[in-house]
Each structure stands twice: as C-alpha cells, then as structure tokens.
Protein backbone atom coordinates (compact mmCIF):
# COMPACT_ATOMS: atom_id res chain seq x y z
CA MET A 1 -29.75 1.80 -27.72
CA ALA A 2 -26.79 3.68 -26.26
CA VAL A 3 -25.94 3.13 -22.58
CA ASN A 4 -26.54 6.13 -20.32
CA TYR A 5 -23.45 6.18 -18.15
CA ASN A 6 -24.96 9.00 -16.11
CA ASP A 7 -27.55 6.55 -14.82
CA GLU A 8 -28.02 6.91 -11.06
CA ARG A 9 -27.11 3.25 -10.54
CA PHE A 10 -23.65 3.89 -11.96
CA GLN A 11 -23.32 6.96 -9.77
CA GLN A 12 -24.36 4.97 -6.70
CA VAL A 13 -21.72 2.29 -7.33
CA THR A 14 -19.07 4.99 -7.80
CA ARG A 15 -20.06 6.77 -4.58
CA GLU A 16 -19.99 3.54 -2.58
CA GLN A 17 -16.62 2.59 -4.07
CA ASN A 18 -15.10 5.98 -3.21
CA ALA A 19 -16.46 5.78 0.33
CA ALA A 20 -15.13 2.24 0.83
CA ILE A 21 -11.67 3.15 -0.49
CA GLN A 22 -11.59 6.31 1.65
CA ASN A 23 -12.50 4.29 4.74
CA LEU A 24 -9.81 1.72 3.89
CA ASN A 25 -7.20 4.45 3.38
CA ASN A 26 -8.12 6.11 6.69
CA THR A 27 -7.77 2.78 8.51
CA TYR A 28 -4.36 1.99 7.02
CA ASN A 29 -3.10 5.57 7.40
CA ASN A 30 -3.98 5.43 11.10
CA MET A 31 -2.22 2.08 11.45
CA ILE A 32 0.86 3.44 9.66
CA ASN A 33 0.94 6.58 11.81
CA GLN A 34 0.51 4.59 15.02
CA SER A 35 3.23 2.12 14.02
CA GLN A 36 5.54 5.02 13.12
CA GLN A 37 4.94 6.58 16.53
CA PHE A 38 5.54 3.23 18.24
CA TYR A 39 8.85 2.55 16.48
CA ASP A 40 9.96 6.16 16.93
CA ALA A 41 9.32 5.75 20.66
CA GLN A 42 11.30 2.49 20.68
CA ALA A 43 14.21 4.16 18.90
CA LYS A 44 14.08 7.09 21.32
CA ALA A 45 14.03 4.69 24.27
CA ALA A 46 17.12 2.92 22.91
CA GLU A 47 18.86 6.26 22.50
CA ASP A 48 17.87 7.41 26.01
CA TYR A 49 19.01 4.12 27.51
CA GLY A 50 22.36 4.49 25.79
CA ASN A 51 22.71 8.03 27.11
CA GLN A 52 21.84 6.85 30.62
CA GLN A 53 24.39 4.04 30.41
CA ALA A 54 27.02 6.46 29.12
CA ALA A 55 26.25 8.91 31.93
CA LEU A 56 26.53 6.13 34.54
CA GLN A 57 29.77 4.94 33.00
CA GLN A 58 31.16 8.46 33.03
CA GLN A 59 30.10 8.93 36.65
CA ASN A 60 31.82 5.66 37.63
CA THR A 61 34.96 6.73 35.82
CA ASP A 62 34.89 10.18 37.37
CA PHE A 63 34.45 8.61 40.79
CA THR A 64 37.38 6.25 40.17
CA ILE A 65 39.57 9.13 39.03
CA GLN A 66 38.41 11.17 42.01
CA LYS A 67 39.48 8.39 44.37
CA ILE A 68 42.84 8.16 42.63
CA GLU A 69 43.27 11.90 42.88
CA GLN A 70 42.47 11.66 46.57
CA GLN A 71 45.07 8.92 46.98
CA LYS A 72 47.52 11.02 45.00
CA GLU A 73 46.82 14.01 47.22
CA GLN A 74 47.25 11.83 50.31
CA ALA A 75 50.57 10.60 48.98
CA ASN A 76 51.66 14.21 48.54
CA LYS A 77 50.62 14.95 52.11
CA ASP A 78 52.49 11.90 53.38
CA TYR A 79 55.58 12.95 51.44
CA THR A 80 55.40 16.48 52.80
CA LYS A 81 54.91 15.12 56.30
CA GLU A 82 57.83 12.74 55.96
CA GLN A 83 59.99 15.52 54.58
CA LYS A 84 59.14 17.80 57.48
CA GLY A 85 59.61 14.99 59.97
CA ALA A 86 63.04 14.20 58.55
CA TYR A 87 64.02 17.83 58.76
CA VAL A 88 62.79 18.17 62.35
CA ASP A 89 64.62 15.00 63.37
CA TRP A 90 67.79 16.18 61.70
CA GLN A 91 67.54 19.55 63.42
CA LYS A 92 67.08 17.86 66.73
CA GLN A 93 70.07 15.63 66.19
CA SER A 94 72.34 18.31 64.85
CA ASN A 95 71.39 21.04 67.34
CA GLN A 96 74.49 22.06 69.35
CA TYR A 97 72.30 22.48 72.36
CA GLY A 98 70.36 19.35 71.85
CA VAL A 99 70.50 16.01 73.59
CA ASN A 100 73.20 14.64 71.28
CA ALA A 101 75.42 17.65 71.90
CA GLU A 102 75.07 17.25 75.67
CA ILE A 103 75.86 13.54 75.49
CA GLN A 104 78.90 14.22 73.35
CA ALA A 105 80.03 16.92 75.76
CA GLN A 106 79.72 14.59 78.68
CA GLN A 107 81.74 12.02 76.82
CA GLY A 108 84.35 14.58 75.80
CA LEU A 109 83.52 14.22 72.13
CA ARG A 110 82.11 17.68 71.53
CA GLY A 111 84.22 19.87 69.25
CA GLY A 112 86.41 17.10 67.96
CA GLY A 113 86.51 15.19 64.73
CA TYR A 114 83.96 12.76 65.92
CA SER A 115 81.49 15.53 66.44
CA GLU A 116 81.97 16.80 62.92
CA SER A 117 81.56 13.35 61.42
CA SER A 118 78.41 12.86 63.44
CA GLN A 119 76.94 16.05 61.97
CA VAL A 120 77.72 14.86 58.48
CA SER A 121 76.23 11.46 59.18
CA MET A 122 73.05 12.97 60.56
CA TYR A 123 72.74 15.26 57.61
CA ASN A 124 73.26 12.33 55.20
CA GLN A 125 70.59 10.39 57.03
CA TYR A 126 68.29 13.34 56.69
CA GLN A 127 68.98 13.61 52.93
CA ASN A 128 68.54 9.86 52.45
CA ARG A 129 65.27 9.94 54.33
CA VAL A 130 64.03 12.85 52.23
CA ALA A 131 65.21 11.15 49.00
CA THR A 132 63.51 7.91 49.95
CA ALA A 133 60.27 9.73 50.73
CA ARG A 134 60.48 11.64 47.43
CA ASP A 135 61.15 8.45 45.48
CA SER A 136 58.19 6.71 47.11
CA TYR A 137 56.01 9.71 46.39
CA ASN A 138 57.10 9.92 42.74
CA ARG A 139 56.44 6.23 42.21
CA ALA A 140 53.04 6.56 43.87
CA VAL A 141 52.17 9.59 41.69
CA LEU A 142 53.23 7.67 38.58
CA GLU A 143 51.02 4.74 39.55
CA TYR A 144 48.12 7.06 40.30
CA ASP A 145 48.53 8.89 36.98
CA ASN A 146 48.67 5.56 35.16
CA GLY A 147 45.52 4.52 37.01
CA ILE A 148 43.79 7.71 35.84
CA LYS A 149 44.83 7.14 32.23
CA GLU A 150 43.73 3.52 32.42
CA ALA A 151 40.37 4.58 33.86
CA GLN A 152 39.99 7.14 31.09
CA LEU A 153 40.87 4.61 28.40
CA THR A 154 38.53 2.06 29.90
CA ASN A 155 35.87 4.72 30.14
CA ASN A 156 36.30 5.67 26.48
CA THR A 157 36.08 2.02 25.50
CA LYS A 158 32.95 1.53 27.58
CA LEU A 159 31.42 4.72 26.23
CA ALA A 160 32.16 3.63 22.67
CA GLU A 161 30.65 0.23 23.35
CA ILE A 162 27.55 1.79 24.89
CA ALA A 163 27.19 4.19 21.96
CA TYR A 164 27.60 1.34 19.47
CA ASN A 165 25.02 -0.86 21.20
CA ALA A 166 22.57 2.03 21.45
CA LEU A 167 23.01 2.89 17.78
CA LYS A 168 22.70 -0.78 16.79
CA THR A 169 19.45 -1.16 18.75
CA LYS A 170 18.11 2.07 17.30
CA LEU A 171 18.89 0.96 13.75
CA GLU A 172 17.28 -2.45 14.33
CA VAL A 173 14.13 -0.80 15.66
CA ASN A 174 14.02 1.62 12.72
CA LEU A 175 14.48 -1.26 10.29
CA GLN A 176 11.63 -3.20 11.90
CA GLY A 177 9.44 -0.11 11.67
CA PHE A 178 10.37 0.41 8.03
CA GLN A 179 9.58 -3.20 7.14
CA TYR A 180 6.26 -3.15 9.02
CA LYS A 181 5.28 0.13 7.38
CA ASN A 182 6.09 -1.28 3.93
CA GLN A 183 3.99 -4.36 4.70
CA LEU A 184 1.08 -2.14 5.69
CA LEU A 185 1.44 -0.15 2.48
CA ALA A 186 1.53 -3.35 0.42
CA ASN A 187 -1.60 -4.60 2.20
CA GLN A 188 -3.27 -1.26 1.61
CA ILE A 189 -2.57 -1.45 -2.13
CA GLN A 190 -3.79 -5.06 -2.25
CA GLN A 191 -6.99 -4.27 -0.36
CA THR A 192 -7.63 -1.20 -2.50
CA GLN A 193 -7.27 -3.30 -5.65
CA ALA A 194 -9.64 -5.92 -4.22
CA LEU A 195 -12.20 -3.23 -3.47
CA SER A 196 -11.80 -1.79 -6.96
CA ASP A 197 -12.33 -5.24 -8.48
CA THR A 198 -15.43 -5.81 -6.34
CA TYR A 199 -17.02 -2.51 -7.30
CA TYR A 200 -15.99 -2.93 -10.93
CA ASN A 201 -17.92 -6.22 -10.97
CA ARG A 202 -20.89 -4.40 -9.46
CA TRP A 203 -20.52 -1.72 -12.13
CA LYS A 204 -20.54 -4.43 -14.82
CA ASP A 205 -23.64 -5.96 -13.24
CA VAL A 206 -25.37 -2.59 -13.55
CA LEU A 207 -24.17 -2.31 -17.14
CA SER A 208 -25.48 -5.81 -17.89
CA GLN A 209 -28.82 -4.93 -16.31
CA ILE A 210 -29.09 -1.73 -18.35
CA ASN A 211 -28.11 -3.59 -21.54
CA THR A 212 -30.83 -6.15 -20.82
CA GLU A 213 -33.35 -3.38 -20.28
CA ASN A 214 -32.22 -1.69 -23.50
CA ALA A 215 -32.45 -4.99 -25.40
CA LEU A 216 -36.00 -5.57 -24.16
CA ALA A 217 -36.91 -2.00 -25.04
CA GLU A 218 -35.43 -2.49 -28.51
CA GLN A 219 -37.35 -5.71 -28.98
CA GLN A 220 -40.55 -3.92 -27.99
CA ARG A 221 -39.73 -1.09 -30.38
CA GLN A 222 -39.04 -3.50 -33.25
CA PHE A 223 -42.24 -5.40 -32.49
CA ASN A 224 -44.22 -2.19 -32.56
CA GLU A 225 -42.49 -1.15 -35.79
CA GLN A 226 -43.18 -4.54 -37.37
CA MET A 227 -46.83 -4.34 -36.44
CA ALA A 228 -47.06 -0.86 -37.88
CA LEU A 229 -45.39 -1.93 -41.15
CA GLN A 230 -47.58 -5.00 -41.30
CA ARG A 231 -50.71 -2.88 -40.91
CA GLN A 232 -49.39 -0.56 -43.59
CA ALA A 233 -48.82 -3.49 -45.96
CA LYS A 234 -52.31 -4.90 -45.33
CA ALA A 235 -53.85 -1.51 -45.90
CA SER A 236 -52.01 -1.12 -49.26
CA SER A 237 -53.20 -4.59 -50.44
CA GLY A 238 -56.82 -3.96 -49.47
CA VAL A 239 -56.77 -6.28 -46.45
CA ARG A 240 -57.39 -5.01 -42.93
CA VAL A 241 -55.40 -6.67 -40.12
CA SER A 242 -57.28 -7.25 -36.89
CA SER A 243 -55.68 -7.23 -33.47
CA GLY A 244 -56.12 -11.01 -33.27
CA GLY A 245 -53.83 -11.61 -36.27
CA SER A 246 -56.71 -12.31 -38.78
CA SER A 247 -57.76 -10.03 -41.64
CA ARG A 248 -60.88 -8.99 -43.59
CA SER A 249 -61.20 -7.78 -47.13
CA SER A 250 -61.40 -4.01 -47.36
CA GLY A 251 -63.91 -4.35 -50.19
CA GLY A 252 -66.26 -6.33 -48.00
CA SER A 253 -67.51 -8.44 -50.95
CA SER A 254 -67.20 -11.70 -49.13
CA GLY A 255 -67.01 -10.62 -45.48
CA LYS A 256 -65.13 -13.83 -44.65
CA LYS A 257 -61.78 -14.15 -42.82
CA VAL A 258 -58.63 -14.97 -44.76
CA SER A 259 -55.77 -16.87 -43.10
CA ILE A 260 -52.33 -15.31 -42.63
CA ASN A 261 -50.31 -18.32 -43.76
CA GLY A 262 -50.78 -17.65 -47.47
CA ASN A 263 -53.66 -20.08 -48.17
CA THR A 264 -56.74 -18.93 -50.06
CA ASN A 265 -60.35 -19.06 -49.03
CA SER A 266 -63.21 -20.45 -51.06
CA LYS A 267 -63.38 -17.24 -53.08
CA GLY A 268 -59.73 -17.56 -54.07
CA GLN A 269 -58.65 -14.55 -52.00
CA LEU A 270 -55.07 -14.52 -50.59
CA ALA A 271 -54.10 -13.48 -47.14
CA SER A 272 -51.33 -10.88 -46.88
CA GLU A 273 -47.96 -12.24 -45.82
CA PRO A 274 -46.37 -10.93 -42.60
CA VAL A 275 -43.36 -8.63 -42.60
CA LYS A 276 -40.01 -10.44 -42.36
CA ARG A 277 -37.09 -9.20 -40.22
CA ILE A 278 -33.97 -11.15 -41.08
CA GLY A 279 -30.36 -10.13 -40.58
CA GLY A 280 -31.37 -6.80 -39.10
CA LYS A 281 -33.34 -5.85 -42.25
CA THR A 282 -37.08 -5.46 -42.71
CA TYR A 283 -38.56 -7.16 -45.80
CA ILE A 284 -42.11 -6.05 -46.78
CA PRO A 285 -44.47 -8.25 -48.84
CA SER A 286 -44.34 -6.92 -52.42
CA GLY A 287 -47.83 -7.99 -53.53
CA ASP A 288 -46.21 -10.18 -56.24
CA TYR A 289 -45.30 -13.83 -56.24
CA GLY A 290 -43.00 -16.07 -58.21
CA VAL A 291 -43.45 -19.64 -59.48
CA ASP A 292 -40.67 -22.19 -59.35
CA THR A 293 -40.04 -24.94 -61.94
CA SER A 294 -42.48 -27.24 -60.14
CA GLY A 295 -45.23 -24.66 -60.32
CA ASN A 296 -45.07 -23.82 -56.62
CA ARG A 297 -45.88 -20.27 -55.60
CA ILE A 298 -43.11 -18.27 -53.94
CA THR A 299 -43.91 -15.18 -51.86
CA LEU A 300 -41.78 -12.20 -52.84
CA TYR A 301 -40.67 -9.36 -50.54
CA LYS A 302 -39.24 -5.92 -51.23
CA TYR A 303 -36.16 -4.34 -49.73
CA ASN A 304 -34.62 -1.17 -51.18
CA GLY A 305 -36.70 -1.59 -54.36
CA LYS A 306 -35.52 -5.15 -55.06
CA LEU A 307 -37.39 -8.45 -54.81
CA TYR A 308 -36.34 -11.21 -52.41
CA TYR A 309 -37.64 -14.61 -51.33
CA GLN A 310 -37.02 -16.51 -48.12
CA SER A 311 -34.73 -19.53 -48.19
CA GLY A 312 -34.39 -21.03 -44.75
CA ASN A 313 -33.14 -18.32 -42.40
CA THR A 314 -31.88 -16.03 -45.17
CA MET A 315 -33.37 -13.87 -47.90
CA LYS A 316 -32.21 -14.34 -51.50
CA SER A 317 -32.62 -12.09 -54.48
CA TRP A 318 -35.40 -13.07 -56.92
CA GLY A 319 -34.62 -12.83 -60.62
CA GLY A 320 -37.46 -14.85 -62.16
CA LYS A 321 -40.95 -14.01 -63.45
CA THR A 322 -43.56 -12.47 -61.20
CA SER A 323 -47.35 -12.39 -61.05
CA ASN A 324 -49.60 -10.02 -59.14
CA LEU A 325 -51.31 -11.37 -56.02
CA ALA A 326 -54.67 -10.22 -57.42
CA SER A 327 -54.44 -12.80 -60.19
CA ILE A 328 -53.45 -15.72 -58.03
CA GLY A 329 -57.01 -16.32 -56.96
CA LYS A 330 -58.11 -16.69 -60.57
CA SER A 331 -55.22 -19.02 -61.30
CA LEU A 332 -56.08 -21.25 -58.38
CA SER A 333 -59.82 -21.20 -59.29
CA LYS A 334 -58.97 -22.35 -62.80
CA ALA A 335 -56.77 -25.03 -61.38
CA LYS A 336 -59.73 -26.33 -59.44
C-alpha cells in the first residue's frame, strides 16, 4: 500500500520543525544584532576617545604656542622699551642745554674738541645699546619661533600617535565583533542542522508507523482474500467451509465432517486443501492429485493454468500423471 505523505502526522512534524527552526533563527538573529550593536558602540567609543585625546593634545599645543607668542610679544615690548630708553638717555646726554653741557661749560670744555668727541661717544653708546637690544630681541624671537615649530612638530607626532592608537583599537574591536558574529552564525547553522536531524528522525518514525499500519492492513486484506478464495474453492469442489475451519459435503449424503489436512473419512471422502500463498503468489487447489514413484498422493495446485506441487517452502511445476479427487476415495477404499 502506498504511503500517504499528506497524512496529518507528517504535516504536524513539518509544522513543529518549521516553528522550532524559526524560533532558533529569531534567537540567533537577536544575538547577532545585539553583538553588532555592542561592538559598534565599542568602536565608536574608541573613535570618540581618540578624538578627545587629539582635541586635548591640540589644546595643550595651542596653549604652549600661545605662551610662546606672549613671551615673543613681551620680548618685542622689552626691545622697544630698551630702544626708547637708549634714545632718551642719548638725548639727555647730548642735549646742549643738558646737565653734561653745563658741566662741560663749567669746566671750560664746551665748544672744543673734547665736546665734539663726547657727542660722538654718546651717540656710539646709544647705537651700541640699540644694537645690543636688537640682537637680544632677534635671538629671543628665533628661540620663540623654534619653540613654536617644535611644539607644532611634537603636536603632529602626538596627534598621529593618538590617531594610530584609536584606529588600532577600533580595528581590534571590529575584528572581535566579526569573529564573534561568525561564531554565532556557525552555531546557528549547527543548531539548525541538529534540529533538522531530530525532526527528520521523527518524520521517519511516523513513516515507520504508517508502514506498519499499511503492512497490517495488507495482511488483513490478504487474509480476507485467502478466505474468500478458499470458500470459492470449497464451493467448486462440493464442500462447504464452515467458519471454524471444518467442512461438510454439499451433497449431504453422509452429513459427517471431513478434515482439512487431506485425510479421508470412513466414506472415503477427501477434504479440500487450503489455498497456498507462497512467494507473493496465490496457488488454488486444482481438484487433481499426483502419485509419486512410491505411490504417495501429491496435492496439486493451479496458478495461471499450470499445475504445481509444494516442496518445502517453494512451489514446483508438476509434469506427471494426475487423477481427479473424486476418484481418490474409491482408490483408497479398494486399498482397504
């Protein structure tokens, strides 16, 4: 009997399998999404931390440069002040109405060569003082400018280091997230396969149960068919089969039971042989019998118009002489 794969039991197993796999997929998809969000947040935190460190570094550098600029500006103010002071002092010393002029006049030096040389000397002192102040200022400016460049270079190095560390941390976090996500996907595939195997075994159990039911139904059908054929054979030979497995003569001459095993009663009447089902074929008693070389009777069966006899668990073709079952009683009576 063919298996009905639309049986509700198959459908139930399929529904439960689909529901279990859907639940599993939902669980793992949620885990994957949550892990992705977690590692994205970690990567963002690393990036934000790097930006904060870079901003702090830039602020420190800007502050350092600002202080240097202030020192540079102060140096410029000091230079300007020194320059003005030198000029004022020179004017005071060289003024013809000043203190030096009065002293020279008192000493009789005013207007002579000494006075002229004094003016030159004071002017040279003024120029030297201005030159010294300018040189000090220039050297200070150079140092301050070098300090600014050094701060900028250091800042760039620090910024590059901060950016590198932030990127490195971000990549490490992303790699961890990638590996964890792949592990979750591998587990999901493994668990899905395990579920499929479990429900496939349940599906096979249902199939086995249905096959068993079909086999029992087929056995019942064959039994019913055999009983029907057996009744048909008894009816054709004039013997009626009772439900208890015994038979009576249809003619009713003797009214006595005849055994099924092939023996005769006291009147020499033969019981009908049962139908044989061997090798998937149904062999019906032919109503004839054969005799072997020892004189033993052999029951003959028909299948597709040919005669067969049973040999062990197989049926073999009969090619010898036959006698009708109606005459066997006479033969046995004579033998007595």
